[in-house]
Amino acid sequence: MRWLAVLFTVLAVAACATPAIQPPLTPPAGFAGPALEARALLMDDGARLPLARWAPESGEPWAVIVALHGMNDSRASFRLAGPWWAERGIETWVIDQRGFGEAPGRGIWAGEARMVEDVRTAVSLARARHPRAVIAVAGESMGGAVTIAAFASDRPPAADRVILLAPAVWGWSAQGPVNSAGLWIAARAMGDRAVDAPEWAVRALPASDNRMELFRNYRDPNSLISTRFDALYGLVDLMETASVRLGDIRAPTLLLYGANDNVIRPDPMRRALERAGDRPGFRTGFYPDGWHILNRDLQAEVMYRDVEAWLRDAAAPLPSGAGAVLPELRDEGREARD
């Protein structure tokens, strides 16, 4: 009876609470609007999002990639891809998204609407700075989910292309009732409590085969090691949007996924792709040697070349010869059942 009373109390408290998100900001007096600064992008509400930028050494870029990092990561996530693309005439912009890196509200979920608006603003600034360039948004993991939410919305960013690198599509419909109920309660009853991933899980389920990069990322002070329960709740909400609305993107899209992805498992990716269906301009690429953070894997240059080639000609074959993702995941599912 005591345990039932405790459970009833927890549920009652949880039902009255809502997971926290960052409060809206008010632009300062005399605010002139969004702007590109030397080391930041100034958003529409006056927030400064730290910016990493890699540009060709000479001349105007023929393409600009606005890149979005994954959960608990930062603008350093594209530190290997940015210089490689810059040598081939592509400029890369990477912001610390709100709640991450050195952006406002570190550790606190910003909310899907606010994160999507930041993408619209970043793309507008890139378009204004390079009006003749091909503008693409590349989202990795959580950044991929933000990208889907933005481009599936009724006001998609004014970009020409969408690149999804192992987008986070492990939403509520793929979580299962136990995970969903546990997170629902935790986010409301103790949302501001942060938890670390178990060390055994990090070792057993690495996000990449590039162990040196994983170590560097772990030691980076801009990386978050602990995650609040309410931030996890917000992430799953965002992933549900991504899983359901992938097929609503109208811009030409390239989705890339690795066979060894231990973070976004094959089943939720398969479900998202099956929901999305086929449409003109939607291509996928499956890497048998790829992991989750494709742009930092040991085979990352394979992905870099595919992205460059696709930006030049979205209809041409990918240099890697990567096949479509969904048939591979369906075959894998049949083999697992057999």
C-alpha atoms as a PDB file:
ATOM      1  CA  MET A   1       0.000   0.000   0.000  1.00  0.00           C
ATOM      2  CA  ARG A   2       2.876   2.359   0.767  1.00  0.00           C
ATOM      3  CA  TRP A   3       4.330   1.798  -2.698  1.00  0.00           C
ATOM      4  CA  LEU A   4       0.922   2.391  -4.270  1.00  0.00           C
ATOM      5  CA  ALA A   5       0.608   5.643  -2.324  1.00  0.00           C
ATOM      6  CA  VAL A   6       4.060   6.760  -3.476  1.00  0.00           C
ATOM      7  CA  LEU A   7       3.220   5.873  -7.077  1.00  0.00           C
ATOM      8  CA  PHE A   8      -0.082   7.738  -6.877  1.00  0.00           C
ATOM      9  CA  THR A   9       1.685  10.808  -5.465  1.00  0.00           C
ATOM     10  CA  VAL A  10       4.339  10.754  -8.183  1.00  0.00           C
ATOM     11  CA  LEU A  11       1.731  10.429 -10.915  1.00  0.00           C
ATOM     12  CA  ALA A  12      -0.342  13.231  -9.408  1.00  0.00           C
ATOM     13  CA  VAL A  13       2.668  15.543  -9.286  1.00  0.00           C
ATOM     14  CA  ALA A  14       3.721  14.555 -12.794  1.00  0.00           C
ATOM     15  CA  ALA A  15       0.266  15.181 -14.225  1.00  0.00           C
ATOM     16  CA  CYS A  16       0.369  18.779 -12.981  1.00  0.00           C
ATOM     17  CA  ALA A  17       3.814  19.546 -14.402  1.00  0.00           C
ATOM     18  CA  THR A  18       5.060  20.197 -17.921  1.00  0.00           C
ATOM     19  CA  PRO A  19       8.609  19.593 -19.170  1.00  0.00           C
ATOM     20  CA  ALA A  20      10.637  22.802 -19.145  1.00  0.00           C
ATOM     21  CA  ILE A  21      11.749  24.630 -22.258  1.00  0.00           C
ATOM     22  CA  GLN A  22      13.755  27.813 -22.579  1.00  0.00           C
ATOM     23  CA  PRO A  23      11.642  30.967 -22.104  1.00  0.00           C
ATOM     24  CA  PRO A  24      11.341  33.303 -25.106  1.00  0.00           C
ATOM     25  CA  LEU A  25      13.800  36.167 -25.368  1.00  0.00           C
ATOM     26  CA  THR A  26      12.949  39.797 -26.000  1.00  0.00           C
ATOM     27  CA  PRO A  27      15.199  41.642 -28.467  1.00  0.00           C
ATOM     28  CA  PRO A  28      17.065  44.561 -26.887  1.00  0.00           C
ATOM     29  CA  ALA A  29      16.055  48.159 -27.595  1.00  0.00           C
ATOM     30  CA  GLY A  30      17.234  49.305 -31.005  1.00  0.00           C
ATOM     31  CA  PHE A  31      17.603  45.736 -32.298  1.00  0.00           C
ATOM     32  CA  ALA A  32      18.229  45.859 -36.055  1.00  0.00           C
ATOM     33  CA  GLY A  33      17.342  42.252 -36.824  1.00  0.00           C
ATOM     34  CA  PRO A  34      19.235  39.050 -37.616  1.00  0.00           C
ATOM     35  CA  ALA A  35      22.844  39.397 -38.735  1.00  0.00           C
ATOM     36  CA  LEU A  36      25.982  37.475 -39.610  1.00  0.00           C
ATOM     37  CA  GLU A  37      28.753  38.362 -37.168  1.00  0.00           C
ATOM     38  CA  ALA A  38      32.378  37.300 -37.129  1.00  0.00           C
ATOM     39  CA  ARG A  39      31.835  34.427 -34.689  1.00  0.00           C
ATOM     40  CA  ALA A  40      28.088  34.152 -34.286  1.00  0.00           C
ATOM     41  CA  LEU A  41      24.716  34.354 -35.962  1.00  0.00           C
ATOM     42  CA  LEU A  42      22.396  36.911 -34.410  1.00  0.00           C
ATOM     43  CA  MET A  43      18.890  35.478 -34.349  1.00  0.00           C
ATOM     44  CA  ASP A  44      15.539  37.224 -34.743  1.00  0.00           C
ATOM     45  CA  ASP A  45      15.053  37.442 -30.957  1.00  0.00           C
ATOM     46  CA  GLY A  46      18.528  38.841 -30.284  1.00  0.00           C
ATOM     47  CA  ALA A  47      20.162  35.547 -29.234  1.00  0.00           C
ATOM     48  CA  ARG A  48      23.738  34.976 -30.394  1.00  0.00           C
ATOM     49  CA  LEU A  49      24.473  31.441 -31.569  1.00  0.00           C
ATOM     50  CA  PRO A  50      28.230  30.728 -31.785  1.00  0.00           C
ATOM     51  CA  LEU A  51      29.330  30.003 -35.337  1.00  0.00           C
ATOM     52  CA  ALA A  52      32.109  27.890 -36.858  1.00  0.00           C
ATOM     53  CA  ARG A  53      32.719  28.724 -40.505  1.00  0.00           C
ATOM     54  CA  TRP A  54      34.977  27.182 -43.141  1.00  0.00           C
ATOM     55  CA  ALA A  55      35.252  29.019 -46.463  1.00  0.00           C
ATOM     56  CA  PRO A  56      37.261  28.476 -49.669  1.00  0.00           C
ATOM     57  CA  GLU A  57      40.609  30.274 -49.596  1.00  0.00           C
ATOM     58  CA  SER A  58      39.756  32.344 -52.662  1.00  0.00           C
ATOM     59  CA  GLY A  59      36.667  33.285 -54.583  1.00  0.00           C
ATOM     60  CA  GLU A  60      33.003  32.881 -53.814  1.00  0.00           C
ATOM     61  CA  PRO A  61      31.710  29.448 -52.770  1.00  0.00           C
ATOM     62  CA  TRP A  62      29.517  27.683 -55.305  1.00  0.00           C
ATOM     63  CA  ALA A  63      27.591  26.076 -52.416  1.00  0.00           C
ATOM     64  CA  VAL A  64      26.991  26.827 -48.738  1.00  0.00           C
ATOM     65  CA  ILE A  65      26.085  24.139 -46.209  1.00  0.00           C
ATOM     66  CA  VAL A  66      24.301  25.286 -43.048  1.00  0.00           C
ATOM     67  CA  ALA A  67      25.019  22.366 -40.720  1.00  0.00           C
ATOM     68  CA  LEU A  68      23.197  21.320 -37.551  1.00  0.00           C
ATOM     69  CA  HIS A  69      24.881  19.138 -34.925  1.00  0.00           C
ATOM     70  CA  GLY A  70      23.441  16.258 -32.926  1.00  0.00           C
ATOM     71  CA  MET A  71      22.248  15.953 -29.321  1.00  0.00           C
ATOM     72  CA  ASN A  72      24.738  17.198 -26.696  1.00  0.00           C
ATOM     73  CA  ASP A  73      27.237  18.119 -29.429  1.00  0.00           C
ATOM     74  CA  SER A  74      28.399  21.521 -30.665  1.00  0.00           C
ATOM     75  CA  ARG A  75      29.635  23.428 -33.707  1.00  0.00           C
ATOM     76  CA  ALA A  76      32.844  21.342 -33.564  1.00  0.00           C
ATOM     77  CA  SER A  77      30.898  18.385 -34.934  1.00  0.00           C
ATOM     78  CA  PHE A  78      31.688  19.362 -38.543  1.00  0.00           C
ATOM     79  CA  ARG A  79      35.324  20.292 -37.881  1.00  0.00           C
ATOM     80  CA  LEU A  80      36.543  17.499 -40.207  1.00  0.00           C
ATOM     81  CA  ALA A  81      33.944  17.928 -42.949  1.00  0.00           C
ATOM     82  CA  GLY A  82      34.118  21.742 -43.129  1.00  0.00           C
ATOM     83  CA  PRO A  83      37.772  22.046 -44.216  1.00  0.00           C
ATOM     84  CA  TRP A  84      37.388  19.170 -46.709  1.00  0.00           C
ATOM     85  CA  TRP A  85      34.412  20.799 -48.386  1.00  0.00           C
ATOM     86  CA  ALA A  86      36.116  24.227 -48.304  1.00  0.00           C
ATOM     87  CA  GLU A  87      38.945  22.860 -50.469  1.00  0.00           C
ATOM     88  CA  ARG A  88      36.310  22.036 -53.075  1.00  0.00           C
ATOM     89  CA  GLY A  89      34.617  25.426 -53.072  1.00  0.00           C
ATOM     90  CA  ILE A  90      31.893  24.703 -50.510  1.00  0.00           C
ATOM     91  CA  GLU A  91      31.461  26.967 -47.487  1.00  0.00           C
ATOM     92  CA  THR A  92      30.177  25.430 -44.253  1.00  0.00           C
ATOM     93  CA  TRP A  93      28.416  27.211 -41.398  1.00  0.00           C
ATOM     94  CA  VAL A  94      27.788  25.370 -38.134  1.00  0.00           C
ATOM     95  CA  ILE A  95      25.993  26.951 -35.190  1.00  0.00           C
ATOM     96  CA  ASP A  96      25.715  25.857 -31.594  1.00  0.00           C
ATOM     97  CA  GLN A  97      22.000  25.202 -31.349  1.00  0.00           C
ATOM     98  CA  ARG A  98      20.230  26.626 -28.307  1.00  0.00           C
ATOM     99  CA  GLY A  99      20.871  24.580 -25.213  1.00  0.00           C
ATOM    100  CA  PHE A 100      24.146  23.211 -26.558  1.00  0.00           C
ATOM    101  CA  GLY A 101      27.774  24.254 -26.806  1.00  0.00           C
ATOM    102  CA  GLU A 102      28.102  27.918 -25.859  1.00  0.00           C
ATOM    103  CA  ALA A 103      24.619  28.907 -27.032  1.00  0.00           C
ATOM    104  CA  PRO A 104      22.036  30.361 -24.620  1.00  0.00           C
ATOM    105  CA  GLY A 105      20.336  28.028 -22.137  1.00  0.00           C
ATOM    106  CA  ARG A 106      22.996  25.336 -21.999  1.00  0.00           C
ATOM    107  CA  GLY A 107      21.425  22.010 -21.054  1.00  0.00           C
ATOM    108  CA  ILE A 108      17.820  23.256 -21.293  1.00  0.00           C
ATOM    109  CA  TRP A 109      15.652  22.196 -24.214  1.00  0.00           C
ATOM    110  CA  ALA A 110      14.776  25.108 -26.513  1.00  0.00           C
ATOM    111  CA  GLY A 111      11.632  23.623 -28.040  1.00  0.00           C
ATOM    112  CA  GLU A 112      10.961  22.482 -31.590  1.00  0.00           C
ATOM    113  CA  ALA A 113       9.372  25.761 -32.734  1.00  0.00           C
ATOM    114  CA  ARG A 114      12.313  27.855 -31.581  1.00  0.00           C
ATOM    115  CA  MET A 115      14.919  25.496 -33.064  1.00  0.00           C
ATOM    116  CA  VAL A 116      13.094  25.484 -36.389  1.00  0.00           C
ATOM    117  CA  GLU A 117      12.902  29.289 -36.445  1.00  0.00           C
ATOM    118  CA  ASP A 118      16.666  29.433 -35.905  1.00  0.00           C
ATOM    119  CA  VAL A 119      17.150  27.272 -39.005  1.00  0.00           C
ATOM    120  CA  ARG A 120      14.988  29.623 -41.069  1.00  0.00           C
ATOM    121  CA  THR A 121      17.025  32.591 -39.846  1.00  0.00           C
ATOM    122  CA  ALA A 122      20.387  30.923 -40.464  1.00  0.00           C
ATOM    123  CA  VAL A 123      19.388  29.980 -44.012  1.00  0.00           C
ATOM    124  CA  SER A 124      18.165  33.529 -44.707  1.00  0.00           C
ATOM    125  CA  LEU A 125      21.509  34.918 -43.552  1.00  0.00           C
ATOM    126  CA  ALA A 126      23.422  32.440 -45.722  1.00  0.00           C
ATOM    127  CA  ARG A 127      21.262  33.329 -48.726  1.00  0.00           C
ATOM    128  CA  ALA A 128      21.814  37.040 -48.177  1.00  0.00           C
ATOM    129  CA  ARG A 129      25.595  36.572 -47.870  1.00  0.00           C
ATOM    130  CA  HIS A 130      25.900  34.254 -50.915  1.00  0.00           C
ATOM    131  CA  PRO A 131      22.897  34.906 -53.196  1.00  0.00           C
ATOM    132  CA  ARG A 132      24.319  32.933 -56.156  1.00  0.00           C
ATOM    133  CA  ALA A 133      25.348  29.825 -54.214  1.00  0.00           C
ATOM    134  CA  VAL A 134      23.454  26.578 -53.793  1.00  0.00           C
ATOM    135  CA  ILE A 135      22.233  26.707 -50.175  1.00  0.00           C
ATOM    136  CA  ALA A 136      21.848  23.386 -48.373  1.00  0.00           C
ATOM    137  CA  VAL A 137      20.997  22.419 -44.809  1.00  0.00           C
ATOM    138  CA  ALA A 138      22.799  19.347 -43.444  1.00  0.00           C
ATOM    139  CA  GLY A 139      21.424  17.917 -40.212  1.00  0.00           C
ATOM    140  CA  GLU A 140      23.168  15.177 -38.261  1.00  0.00           C
ATOM    141  CA  SER A 141      21.133  12.994 -35.861  1.00  0.00           C
ATOM    142  CA  MET A 142      19.144  15.475 -33.709  1.00  0.00           C
ATOM    143  CA  GLY A 143      20.116  18.145 -36.221  1.00  0.00           C
ATOM    144  CA  GLY A 144      18.533  15.948 -38.882  1.00  0.00           C
ATOM    145  CA  ALA A 145      15.297  15.845 -36.897  1.00  0.00           C
ATOM    146  CA  VAL A 146      15.337  19.653 -36.598  1.00  0.00           C
ATOM    147  CA  THR A 147      15.944  19.852 -40.341  1.00  0.00           C
ATOM    148  CA  ILE A 148      12.980  17.586 -41.114  1.00  0.00           C
ATOM    149  CA  ALA A 149      10.715  19.585 -38.801  1.00  0.00           C
ATOM    150  CA  ALA A 150      11.803  22.819 -40.486  1.00  0.00           C
ATOM    151  CA  PHE A 151      11.419  21.681 -44.092  1.00  0.00           C
ATOM    152  CA  ALA A 152       8.183  19.785 -43.459  1.00  0.00           C
ATOM    153  CA  SER A 153       6.619  22.890 -41.886  1.00  0.00           C
ATOM    154  CA  ASP A 154       4.296  25.349 -43.593  1.00  0.00           C
ATOM    155  CA  ARG A 155       7.234  27.811 -43.806  1.00  0.00           C
ATOM    156  CA  PRO A 156      10.236  25.790 -44.963  1.00  0.00           C
ATOM    157  CA  PRO A 157      13.620  27.571 -44.949  1.00  0.00           C
ATOM    158  CA  ALA A 158      14.616  29.166 -48.258  1.00  0.00           C
ATOM    159  CA  ALA A 159      17.279  26.541 -49.021  1.00  0.00           C
ATOM    160  CA  ASP A 160      17.795  24.603 -52.237  1.00  0.00           C
ATOM    161  CA  ARG A 161      18.725  21.198 -50.804  1.00  0.00           C
ATOM    162  CA  VAL A 162      18.368  19.067 -47.669  1.00  0.00           C
ATOM    163  CA  ILE A 163      20.988  16.598 -46.405  1.00  0.00           C
ATOM    164  CA  LEU A 164      20.053  14.203 -43.590  1.00  0.00           C
ATOM    165  CA  LEU A 165      22.896  12.326 -41.898  1.00  0.00           C
ATOM    166  CA  ALA A 166      21.397   9.468 -39.851  1.00  0.00           C
ATOM    167  CA  PRO A 167      18.474  11.699 -38.803  1.00  0.00           C
ATOM    168  CA  ALA A 168      16.997  11.064 -35.360  1.00  0.00           C
ATOM    169  CA  VAL A 169      13.640   9.350 -36.010  1.00  0.00           C
ATOM    170  CA  TRP A 170      13.316   7.291 -32.808  1.00  0.00           C
ATOM    171  CA  GLY A 171      10.114   8.988 -31.662  1.00  0.00           C
ATOM    172  CA  TRP A 172       7.302   7.987 -29.318  1.00  0.00           C
ATOM    173  CA  SER A 173       5.754   5.559 -31.791  1.00  0.00           C
ATOM    174  CA  ALA A 174       9.028   3.584 -31.852  1.00  0.00           C
ATOM    175  CA  GLN A 175       9.894   3.871 -28.156  1.00  0.00           C
ATOM    176  CA  GLY A 176       7.445   1.329 -26.815  1.00  0.00           C
ATOM    177  CA  PRO A 177       5.026   1.770 -23.878  1.00  0.00           C
ATOM    178  CA  VAL A 178       7.548   1.164 -21.072  1.00  0.00           C
ATOM    179  CA  ASN A 179      10.111   3.690 -22.325  1.00  0.00           C
ATOM    180  CA  SER A 180       7.406   6.203 -23.156  1.00  0.00           C
ATOM    181  CA  ALA A 181       5.669   5.969 -19.789  1.00  0.00           C
ATOM    182  CA  GLY A 182       8.933   6.099 -17.857  1.00  0.00           C
ATOM    183  CA  LEU A 183      10.173   9.189 -19.687  1.00  0.00           C
ATOM    184  CA  TRP A 184       6.762  10.897 -19.426  1.00  0.00           C
ATOM    185  CA  ILE A 185       6.830  10.532 -15.652  1.00  0.00           C
ATOM    186  CA  ALA A 186      10.535  11.372 -15.248  1.00  0.00           C
ATOM    187  CA  ALA A 187      10.294  14.520 -17.374  1.00  0.00           C
ATOM    188  CA  ARG A 188       7.489  15.854 -15.179  1.00  0.00           C
ATOM    189  CA  ALA A 189       8.455  14.597 -11.735  1.00  0.00           C
ATOM    190  CA  MET A 190      12.208  15.305 -11.951  1.00  0.00           C
ATOM    191  CA  GLY A 191      12.725  17.040 -15.274  1.00  0.00           C
ATOM    192  CA  ASP A 192      15.662  19.188 -14.182  1.00  0.00           C
ATOM    193  CA  ARG A 193      17.645  16.184 -12.991  1.00  0.00           C
ATOM    194  CA  ALA A 194      20.480  15.319 -15.369  1.00  0.00           C
ATOM    195  CA  VAL A 195      21.708  11.798 -16.008  1.00  0.00           C
ATOM    196  CA  ASP A 196      24.876  10.465 -17.617  1.00  0.00           C
ATOM    197  CA  ALA A 197      24.919   7.667 -20.150  1.00  0.00           C
ATOM    198  CA  PRO A 198      26.284   4.517 -18.456  1.00  0.00           C
ATOM    199  CA  GLU A 199      29.972   4.020 -19.241  1.00  0.00           C
ATOM    200  CA  TRP A 200      29.330   0.440 -20.338  1.00  0.00           C
ATOM    201  CA  ALA A 201      26.782   1.644 -22.874  1.00  0.00           C
ATOM    202  CA  VAL A 202      29.233   4.167 -24.343  1.00  0.00           C
ATOM    203  CA  ARG A 203      31.830   1.421 -24.752  1.00  0.00           C
ATOM    204  CA  ALA A 204      29.431  -1.223 -26.031  1.00  0.00           C
ATOM    205  CA  LEU A 205      27.450   1.047 -28.365  1.00  0.00           C
ATOM    206  CA  PRO A 206      29.922   3.507 -29.889  1.00  0.00           C
ATOM    207  CA  ALA A 207      28.578   6.148 -32.255  1.00  0.00           C
ATOM    208  CA  SER A 208      31.553   5.805 -34.615  1.00  0.00           C
ATOM    209  CA  ASP A 209      34.524   3.586 -35.437  1.00  0.00           C
ATOM    210  CA  ASN A 210      36.736   6.688 -35.099  1.00  0.00           C
ATOM    211  CA  ARG A 211      37.653   6.187 -31.430  1.00  0.00           C
ATOM    212  CA  MET A 212      40.058   9.144 -31.362  1.00  0.00           C
ATOM    213  CA  GLU A 213      37.270  11.475 -32.468  1.00  0.00           C
ATOM    214  CA  LEU A 214      34.908  10.035 -29.870  1.00  0.00           C
ATOM    215  CA  PHE A 215      37.554  10.660 -27.192  1.00  0.00           C
ATOM    216  CA  ARG A 216      38.109  14.238 -28.442  1.00  0.00           C
ATOM    217  CA  ASN A 217      34.390  14.891 -28.432  1.00  0.00           C
ATOM    218  CA  TYR A 218      34.019  13.521 -24.894  1.00  0.00           C
ATOM    219  CA  ARG A 219      36.804  15.798 -23.621  1.00  0.00           C
ATOM    220  CA  ASP A 220      35.498  18.880 -25.454  1.00  0.00           C
ATOM    221  CA  PRO A 221      34.159  21.320 -22.809  1.00  0.00           C
ATOM    222  CA  ASN A 222      31.421  22.352 -25.233  1.00  0.00           C
ATOM    223  CA  SER A 223      30.012  18.808 -25.284  1.00  0.00           C
ATOM    224  CA  LEU A 224      27.289  17.970 -22.797  1.00  0.00           C
ATOM    225  CA  ILE A 225      27.897  14.783 -20.844  1.00  0.00           C
ATOM    226  CA  SER A 226      24.717  14.840 -18.738  1.00  0.00           C
ATOM    227  CA  THR A 227      21.195  15.216 -20.103  1.00  0.00           C
ATOM    228  CA  ARG A 228      18.130  16.485 -18.259  1.00  0.00           C
ATOM    229  CA  PHE A 229      15.023  14.305 -18.325  1.00  0.00           C
ATOM    230  CA  ASP A 230      12.946  17.149 -19.761  1.00  0.00           C
ATOM    231  CA  ALA A 231      15.510  17.604 -22.556  1.00  0.00           C
ATOM    232  CA  LEU A 232      15.239  13.887 -23.378  1.00  0.00           C
ATOM    233  CA  TYR A 233      11.468  14.301 -23.460  1.00  0.00           C
ATOM    234  CA  GLY A 234      11.797  17.227 -25.862  1.00  0.00           C
ATOM    235  CA  LEU A 235      14.161  15.218 -28.040  1.00  0.00           C
ATOM    236  CA  VAL A 236      11.739  12.297 -28.323  1.00  0.00           C
ATOM    237  CA  ASP A 237       8.941  14.735 -29.181  1.00  0.00           C
ATOM    238  CA  LEU A 238      11.125  16.187 -31.938  1.00  0.00           C
ATOM    239  CA  MET A 239      12.077  12.715 -33.192  1.00  0.00           C
ATOM    240  CA  GLU A 240       8.399  11.802 -33.430  1.00  0.00           C
ATOM    241  CA  THR A 241       7.814  14.832 -35.649  1.00  0.00           C
ATOM    242  CA  ALA A 242      10.766  13.773 -37.808  1.00  0.00           C
ATOM    243  CA  SER A 243       9.619  10.168 -38.072  1.00  0.00           C
ATOM    244  CA  VAL A 244       6.095  11.141 -39.110  1.00  0.00           C
ATOM    245  CA  ARG A 245       6.851  14.102 -41.376  1.00  0.00           C
ATOM    246  CA  LEU A 246       9.904  12.958 -43.332  1.00  0.00           C
ATOM    247  CA  GLY A 247       7.732  12.516 -46.422  1.00  0.00           C
ATOM    248  CA  ASP A 248       6.454  16.110 -46.219  1.00  0.00           C
ATOM    249  CA  ILE A 249       9.783  17.648 -47.264  1.00  0.00           C
ATOM    250  CA  ARG A 250       9.500  19.111 -50.745  1.00  0.00           C
ATOM    251  CA  ALA A 251      13.081  20.252 -51.348  1.00  0.00           C
ATOM    252  CA  PRO A 252      15.492  17.782 -53.018  1.00  0.00           C
ATOM    253  CA  THR A 253      16.716  15.564 -50.188  1.00  0.00           C
ATOM    254  CA  LEU A 254      19.614  13.168 -49.627  1.00  0.00           C
ATOM    255  CA  LEU A 255      19.354  10.839 -46.596  1.00  0.00           C
ATOM    256  CA  LEU A 256      22.460   8.830 -45.635  1.00  0.00           C
ATOM    257  CA  TYR A 257      22.581   5.981 -43.122  1.00  0.00           C
ATOM    258  CA  GLY A 258      25.176   3.459 -41.930  1.00  0.00           C
ATOM    259  CA  ALA A 259      24.740  -0.269 -41.310  1.00  0.00           C
ATOM    260  CA  ASN A 260      26.509  -0.011 -37.930  1.00  0.00           C
ATOM    261  CA  ASP A 261      24.363   2.783 -36.509  1.00  0.00           C
ATOM    262  CA  ASN A 262      23.898   1.952 -32.814  1.00  0.00           C
ATOM    263  CA  VAL A 263      22.003   5.144 -31.977  1.00  0.00           C
ATOM    264  CA  ILE A 264      19.188   5.321 -34.536  1.00  0.00           C
ATOM    265  CA  ARG A 265      18.516   1.635 -34.967  1.00  0.00           C
ATOM    266  CA  PRO A 266      17.325   0.073 -38.241  1.00  0.00           C
ATOM    267  CA  ASP A 267      13.708  -0.495 -37.190  1.00  0.00           C
ATOM    268  CA  PRO A 268      12.746   3.159 -36.508  1.00  0.00           C
ATOM    269  CA  MET A 269      14.649   4.245 -39.629  1.00  0.00           C
ATOM    270  CA  ARG A 270      12.787   1.657 -41.700  1.00  0.00           C
ATOM    271  CA  ARG A 271       9.443   2.803 -40.278  1.00  0.00           C
ATOM    272  CA  ALA A 272      10.201   6.444 -41.039  1.00  0.00           C
ATOM    273  CA  LEU A 273      11.218   5.652 -44.612  1.00  0.00           C
ATOM    274  CA  GLU A 274       8.150   3.490 -45.175  1.00  0.00           C
ATOM    275  CA  ARG A 275       5.916   6.299 -43.902  1.00  0.00           C
ATOM    276  CA  ALA A 276       7.716   8.796 -46.149  1.00  0.00           C
ATOM    277  CA  GLY A 277       7.218   6.711 -49.296  1.00  0.00           C
ATOM    278  CA  ASP A 278       8.707   7.581 -52.669  1.00  0.00           C
ATOM    279  CA  ARG A 279       8.720  11.027 -54.172  1.00  0.00           C
ATOM    280  CA  PRO A 280      10.737  12.819 -56.855  1.00  0.00           C
ATOM    281  CA  GLY A 281      13.964  14.282 -55.533  1.00  0.00           C
ATOM    282  CA  PHE A 282      14.184  12.050 -52.436  1.00  0.00           C
ATOM    283  CA  ARG A 283      17.321   9.885 -52.469  1.00  0.00           C
ATOM    284  CA  THR A 284      18.960   7.699 -49.864  1.00  0.00           C
ATOM    285  CA  GLY A 285      22.400   6.165 -49.512  1.00  0.00           C
ATOM    286  CA  PHE A 286      23.336   3.120 -47.424  1.00  0.00           C
ATOM    287  CA  TYR A 287      26.919   2.696 -46.191  1.00  0.00           C
ATOM    288  CA  PRO A 288      27.803  -0.895 -45.179  1.00  0.00           C
ATOM    289  CA  ASP A 289      30.782   0.430 -43.181  1.00  0.00           C
ATOM    290  CA  GLY A 290      29.039   3.533 -41.818  1.00  0.00           C
ATOM    291  CA  TRP A 291      28.207   4.304 -38.189  1.00  0.00           C
ATOM    292  CA  HIS A 292      26.035   6.995 -36.602  1.00  0.00           C
ATOM    293  CA  ILE A 293      28.144  10.146 -36.835  1.00  0.00           C
ATOM    294  CA  LEU A 294      28.919   9.631 -40.508  1.00  0.00           C
ATOM    295  CA  ASN A 295      30.879  12.858 -40.912  1.00  0.00           C
ATOM    296  CA  ARG A 296      33.492  11.684 -38.374  1.00  0.00           C
ATOM    297  CA  ASP A 297      33.744   7.974 -39.202  1.00  0.00           C
ATOM    298  CA  LEU A 298      36.999   6.542 -40.477  1.00  0.00           C
ATOM    299  CA  GLN A 299      35.318   6.371 -43.891  1.00  0.00           C
ATOM    300  CA  ALA A 300      33.925   9.916 -43.628  1.00  0.00           C
ATOM    301  CA  GLU A 301      35.506  11.087 -46.904  1.00  0.00           C
ATOM    302  CA  VAL A 302      33.223   8.684 -48.742  1.00  0.00           C
ATOM    303  CA  MET A 303      30.275  10.671 -47.414  1.00  0.00           C
ATOM    304  CA  TYR A 304      31.960  14.021 -48.108  1.00  0.00           C
ATOM    305  CA  ARG A 305      32.401  13.068 -51.785  1.00  0.00           C
ATOM    306  CA  ASP A 306      28.826  11.870 -52.096  1.00  0.00           C
ATOM    307  CA  VAL A 307      27.496  15.129 -50.665  1.00  0.00           C
ATOM    308  CA  GLU A 308      29.693  17.225 -52.959  1.00  0.00           C
ATOM    309  CA  ALA A 309      28.639  15.231 -56.029  1.00  0.00           C
ATOM    310  CA  TRP A 310      24.949  15.370 -55.104  1.00  0.00           C
ATOM    311  CA  LEU A 311      25.100  19.135 -54.596  1.00  0.00           C
ATOM    312  CA  ARG A 312      26.576  19.469 -58.086  1.00  0.00           C
ATOM    313  CA  ASP A 313      24.050  17.120 -59.708  1.00  0.00           C
ATOM    314  CA  ALA A 314      21.227  15.641 -57.645  1.00  0.00           C
ATOM    315  CA  ALA A 315      20.345  13.174 -60.416  1.00  0.00           C
ATOM    316  CA  ALA A 316      23.837  11.716 -60.937  1.00  0.00           C
ATOM    317  CA  PRO A 317      24.963   8.455 -59.293  1.00  0.00           C
ATOM    318  CA  LEU A 318      26.739   8.843 -55.952  1.00  0.00           C
ATOM    319  CA  PRO A 319      30.514   8.313 -56.293  1.00  0.00           C
ATOM    320  CA  SER A 320      30.427   5.671 -53.548  1.00  0.00           C
ATOM    321  CA  GLY A 321      27.823   3.647 -55.369  1.00  0.00           C
ATOM    322  CA  ALA A 322      25.742   3.620 -52.158  1.00  0.00           C
ATOM    323  CA  GLY A 323      22.412   1.904 -52.709  1.00  0.00           C
ATOM    324  CA  ALA A 324      19.024   2.850 -51.310  1.00  0.00           C
ATOM    325  CA  VAL A 325      18.549   2.490 -47.551  1.00  0.00           C
ATOM    326  CA  LEU A 326      15.074   0.974 -47.285  1.00  0.00           C
ATOM    327  CA  PRO A 327      15.730  -2.252 -49.285  1.00  0.00           C
ATOM    328  CA  GLU A 328      18.808  -2.901 -47.120  1.00  0.00           C
ATOM    329  CA  LEU A 329      16.833  -2.461 -43.895  1.00  0.00           C
ATOM    330  CA  ARG A 330      14.023  -4.685 -45.141  1.00  0.00           C
ATOM    331  CA  ASP A 331      16.522  -7.409 -46.056  1.00  0.00           C
ATOM    332  CA  GLU A 332      18.135  -7.080 -42.640  1.00  0.00           C
ATOM    333  CA  GLY A 333      14.757  -7.427 -40.942  1.00  0.00           C
ATOM    334  CA  ARG A 334      13.944 -10.580 -42.934  1.00  0.00           C
ATOM    335  CA  GLU A 335      17.305 -12.092 -42.036  1.00  0.00           C
ATOM    336  CA  ALA A 336      16.733 -11.329 -38.337  1.00  0.00           C
ATOM    337  CA  ARG A 337      13.307 -13.026 -38.426  1.00  0.00           C
ATOM    338  CA  ASP A 338      14.719 -16.061 -40.255  1.00  0.00           C
END
